[in-house]
Amino acid sequence: SFRTPAELEPTTAGPPGVVLLHGTLVTDALYRPFARKLSLLLGRPVHCYNRRGRAGSSPQPDDYSVKTEVSDLAIVMHQTGSTDVVAHSYGGFVALEAARTLPMGRLVTYDAAVSLSGNLSHRWRP
């Protein structure tokens, strides 16, 4: 069942986790099979969550921005004891922005959205 990051209890037992961050127009359901395989390969927990506005997650607030996404990622990392992030597409953009301010062990992006002109840092809704 889905729980919001605020409902999770912080965990420090076992190896640090990895957060898998999905792209736009999809949910974490697409990434769960990969997360299971990655967890087995790494011997570490891999956590997926639905970004705001998707599959029962919290709605996007009126002031929604990449800062909202970075804050959500920070909460998930803290609550799950995760130190590393694997991210795809717009999730990769969020993770790259987060790496500027959050303590992160390792970051892997695939086909990350990048903002050369700065236009992705503004409010954007799928």
C-alpha atoms as a PDB file:
ATOM      1  CA  SER A   1       0.000   0.000   0.000  1.00  0.00           C
ATOM      2  CA  PHE A   2       1.089   3.566  -0.623  1.00  0.00           C
ATOM      3  CA  ARG A   3       2.174   5.722   2.275  1.00  0.00           C
ATOM      4  CA  THR A   4       3.218   9.329   2.092  1.00  0.00           C
ATOM      5  CA  PRO A   5       6.815  10.132   3.042  1.00  0.00           C
ATOM      6  CA  ALA A   6       5.543  11.786   6.228  1.00  0.00           C
ATOM      7  CA  GLU A   7       3.976   8.477   7.318  1.00  0.00           C
ATOM      8  CA  LEU A   8       7.232   6.540   7.017  1.00  0.00           C
ATOM      9  CA  GLU A   9       9.394   5.975  10.057  1.00  0.00           C
ATOM     10  CA  PRO A  10      13.069   6.860   9.552  1.00  0.00           C
ATOM     11  CA  THR A  11      15.164   3.734   9.228  1.00  0.00           C
ATOM     12  CA  THR A  12      18.859   3.171   9.776  1.00  0.00           C
ATOM     13  CA  ALA A  13      18.872  -0.638   9.984  1.00  0.00           C
ATOM     14  CA  GLY A  14      20.818  -2.370   7.216  1.00  0.00           C
ATOM     15  CA  PRO A  15      22.588  -0.826   4.245  1.00  0.00           C
ATOM     16  CA  PRO A  16      21.510   2.618   3.050  1.00  0.00           C
ATOM     17  CA  GLY A  17      18.735   2.657   0.512  1.00  0.00           C
ATOM     18  CA  VAL A  18      18.476   3.958  -3.009  1.00  0.00           C
ATOM     19  CA  VAL A  19      15.620   6.151  -4.228  1.00  0.00           C
ATOM     20  CA  LEU A  20      14.354   5.566  -7.757  1.00  0.00           C
ATOM     21  CA  LEU A  21      12.737   8.721  -9.148  1.00  0.00           C
ATOM     22  CA  HIS A  22      10.420   8.454 -12.160  1.00  0.00           C
ATOM     23  CA  GLY A  23       9.914  10.813 -15.064  1.00  0.00           C
ATOM     24  CA  THR A  24       6.888  12.741 -16.242  1.00  0.00           C
ATOM     25  CA  LEU A  25       3.588  11.216 -17.379  1.00  0.00           C
ATOM     26  CA  VAL A  26       4.264   7.880 -15.645  1.00  0.00           C
ATOM     27  CA  THR A  27       4.012   6.466 -12.134  1.00  0.00           C
ATOM     28  CA  ASP A  28       6.332   4.398  -9.991  1.00  0.00           C
ATOM     29  CA  ALA A  29       4.516   1.257 -11.200  1.00  0.00           C
ATOM     30  CA  LEU A  30       6.575   1.365 -14.395  1.00  0.00           C
ATOM     31  CA  TYR A  31       9.804   1.320 -12.378  1.00  0.00           C
ATOM     32  CA  ARG A  32       8.953  -1.301  -9.738  1.00  0.00           C
ATOM     33  CA  PRO A  33      10.264  -4.338 -11.698  1.00  0.00           C
ATOM     34  CA  PHE A  34      13.563  -2.508 -12.240  1.00  0.00           C
ATOM     35  CA  ALA A  35      13.647  -1.496  -8.559  1.00  0.00           C
ATOM     36  CA  ARG A  36      13.258  -5.123  -7.465  1.00  0.00           C
ATOM     37  CA  LYS A  37      16.084  -6.276  -9.747  1.00  0.00           C
ATOM     38  CA  LEU A  38      18.323  -3.394  -8.700  1.00  0.00           C
ATOM     39  CA  SER A  39      17.688  -4.172  -5.035  1.00  0.00           C
ATOM     40  CA  LEU A  40      18.714  -7.804  -5.545  1.00  0.00           C
ATOM     41  CA  LEU A  41      21.802  -6.786  -7.509  1.00  0.00           C
ATOM     42  CA  LEU A  42      22.940  -4.182  -4.966  1.00  0.00           C
ATOM     43  CA  GLY A  43      21.795  -6.002  -1.840  1.00  0.00           C
ATOM     44  CA  ARG A  44      20.184  -2.743  -0.745  1.00  0.00           C
ATOM     45  CA  PRO A  45      16.613  -1.523  -0.456  1.00  0.00           C
ATOM     46  CA  VAL A  46      15.386   0.480  -3.441  1.00  0.00           C
ATOM     47  CA  HIS A  47      12.483   2.841  -2.818  1.00  0.00           C
ATOM     48  CA  CYS A  48      10.062   4.136  -5.448  1.00  0.00           C
ATOM     49  CA  TYR A  49       7.461   6.787  -4.827  1.00  0.00           C
ATOM     50  CA  ASN A  50       4.925   8.595  -6.939  1.00  0.00           C
ATOM     51  CA  ARG A  51       5.747  12.214  -7.521  1.00  0.00           C
ATOM     52  CA  ARG A  52       2.968  14.679  -6.692  1.00  0.00           C
ATOM     53  CA  GLY A  53      -0.179  14.508  -8.752  1.00  0.00           C
ATOM     54  CA  ARG A  54       0.258  10.855  -9.720  1.00  0.00           C
ATOM     55  CA  ALA A  55      -1.453   7.628  -8.643  1.00  0.00           C
ATOM     56  CA  GLY A  56      -2.837   8.626  -5.271  1.00  0.00           C
ATOM     57  CA  SER A  57       0.046  10.839  -4.190  1.00  0.00           C
ATOM     58  CA  SER A  58      -0.486  14.309  -2.771  1.00  0.00           C
ATOM     59  CA  PRO A  59      -1.825  16.868  -5.254  1.00  0.00           C
ATOM     60  CA  GLN A  60       0.477  19.458  -6.755  1.00  0.00           C
ATOM     61  CA  PRO A  61       0.070  22.683  -4.750  1.00  0.00           C
ATOM     62  CA  ASP A  62      -0.597  26.037  -6.401  1.00  0.00           C
ATOM     63  CA  ASP A  63       3.026  27.044  -5.838  1.00  0.00           C
ATOM     64  CA  TYR A  64       4.339  23.755  -7.300  1.00  0.00           C
ATOM     65  CA  SER A  65       7.880  23.959  -8.702  1.00  0.00           C
ATOM     66  CA  VAL A  66      11.070  21.942  -8.872  1.00  0.00           C
ATOM     67  CA  LYS A  67      11.711  23.153  -5.314  1.00  0.00           C
ATOM     68  CA  THR A  68       8.596  21.213  -4.259  1.00  0.00           C
ATOM     69  CA  GLU A  69       9.994  18.111  -5.952  1.00  0.00           C
ATOM     70  CA  VAL A  70      13.425  18.555  -4.320  1.00  0.00           C
ATOM     71  CA  SER A  71      11.786  18.942  -0.918  1.00  0.00           C
ATOM     72  CA  ASP A  72       9.775  15.754  -1.476  1.00  0.00           C
ATOM     73  CA  LEU A  73      12.920  13.862  -2.516  1.00  0.00           C
ATOM     74  CA  ALA A  74      14.738  15.116   0.597  1.00  0.00           C
ATOM     75  CA  ILE A  75      11.918  13.824   2.803  1.00  0.00           C
ATOM     76  CA  VAL A  76      11.882  10.421   1.097  1.00  0.00           C
ATOM     77  CA  MET A  77      15.676  10.117   1.371  1.00  0.00           C
ATOM     78  CA  HIS A  78      15.581  11.022   5.053  1.00  0.00           C
ATOM     79  CA  GLN A  79      12.639   8.804   5.957  1.00  0.00           C
ATOM     80  CA  THR A  80      14.040   5.774   4.111  1.00  0.00           C
ATOM     81  CA  GLY A  81      17.675   6.260   5.108  1.00  0.00           C
ATOM     82  CA  SER A  82      18.638   6.456   1.442  1.00  0.00           C
ATOM     83  CA  THR A  83      21.905   8.002   0.342  1.00  0.00           C
ATOM     84  CA  ASP A  84      21.820   7.370  -3.409  1.00  0.00           C
ATOM     85  CA  VAL A  85      19.414   8.301  -6.199  1.00  0.00           C
ATOM     86  CA  VAL A  86      18.668   6.762  -9.601  1.00  0.00           C
ATOM     87  CA  ALA A  87      16.472   9.007 -11.731  1.00  0.00           C
ATOM     88  CA  HIS A  88      14.979   9.161 -15.221  1.00  0.00           C
ATOM     89  CA  SER A  89      13.816  12.015 -17.449  1.00  0.00           C
ATOM     90  CA  TYR A  90      12.248  14.870 -15.431  1.00  0.00           C
ATOM     91  CA  GLY A  91      13.056  12.864 -12.305  1.00  0.00           C
ATOM     92  CA  GLY A  92      16.686  13.214 -13.411  1.00  0.00           C
ATOM     93  CA  PHE A  93      16.279  16.983 -13.558  1.00  0.00           C
ATOM     94  CA  VAL A  94      14.833  16.953 -10.044  1.00  0.00           C
ATOM     95  CA  ALA A  95      17.715  14.781  -8.818  1.00  0.00           C
ATOM     96  CA  LEU A  96      20.333  17.037 -10.429  1.00  0.00           C
ATOM     97  CA  GLU A  97      18.730  20.062  -8.772  1.00  0.00           C
ATOM     98  CA  ALA A  98      18.598  18.180  -5.459  1.00  0.00           C
ATOM     99  CA  ALA A  99      22.285  17.255  -5.686  1.00  0.00           C
ATOM    100  CA  ARG A 100      23.115  20.957  -5.522  1.00  0.00           C
ATOM    101  CA  THR A 101      21.814  21.189  -1.946  1.00  0.00           C
ATOM    102  CA  LEU A 102      21.206  17.706  -0.514  1.00  0.00           C
ATOM    103  CA  PRO A 103      23.836  15.322   0.819  1.00  0.00           C
ATOM    104  CA  MET A 104      23.910  12.546  -1.751  1.00  0.00           C
ATOM    105  CA  GLY A 105      26.325   9.630  -1.993  1.00  0.00           C
ATOM    106  CA  ARG A 106      25.813   8.659  -5.619  1.00  0.00           C
ATOM    107  CA  LEU A 107      23.563   9.944  -8.365  1.00  0.00           C
ATOM    108  CA  VAL A 108      22.716   8.096 -11.566  1.00  0.00           C
ATOM    109  CA  THR A 109      20.539   9.725 -14.205  1.00  0.00           C
ATOM    110  CA  TYR A 110      19.235   8.316 -17.455  1.00  0.00           C
ATOM    111  CA  ASP A 111      18.011  10.692 -20.143  1.00  0.00           C
ATOM    112  CA  ALA A 112      17.753  13.500 -17.590  1.00  0.00           C
ATOM    113  CA  ALA A 113      16.009  16.687 -18.597  1.00  0.00           C
ATOM    114  CA  VAL A 114      18.436  19.589 -18.392  1.00  0.00           C
ATOM    115  CA  SER A 115      17.770  23.299 -18.292  1.00  0.00           C
ATOM    116  CA  LEU A 116      20.426  25.179 -20.253  1.00  0.00           C
ATOM    117  CA  SER A 117      18.276  28.304 -20.426  1.00  0.00           C
ATOM    118  CA  GLY A 118      16.833  28.004 -16.936  1.00  0.00           C
ATOM    119  CA  ASN A 119      13.260  27.521 -18.158  1.00  0.00           C
ATOM    120  CA  LEU A 120      12.751  24.191 -16.361  1.00  0.00           C
ATOM    121  CA  SER A 121      13.271  25.782 -12.981  1.00  0.00           C
ATOM    122  CA  HIS A 122       9.952  27.562 -13.346  1.00  0.00           C
ATOM    123  CA  ARG A 123       6.550  26.179 -12.496  1.00  0.00           C
ATOM    124  CA  TRP A 124       5.622  23.273 -14.739  1.00  0.00           C
ATOM    125  CA  ARG A 125       2.756  20.810 -14.659  1.00  0.00           C
ATOM    126  CA  PRO A 126       2.335  17.690 -16.792  1.00  0.00           C
END
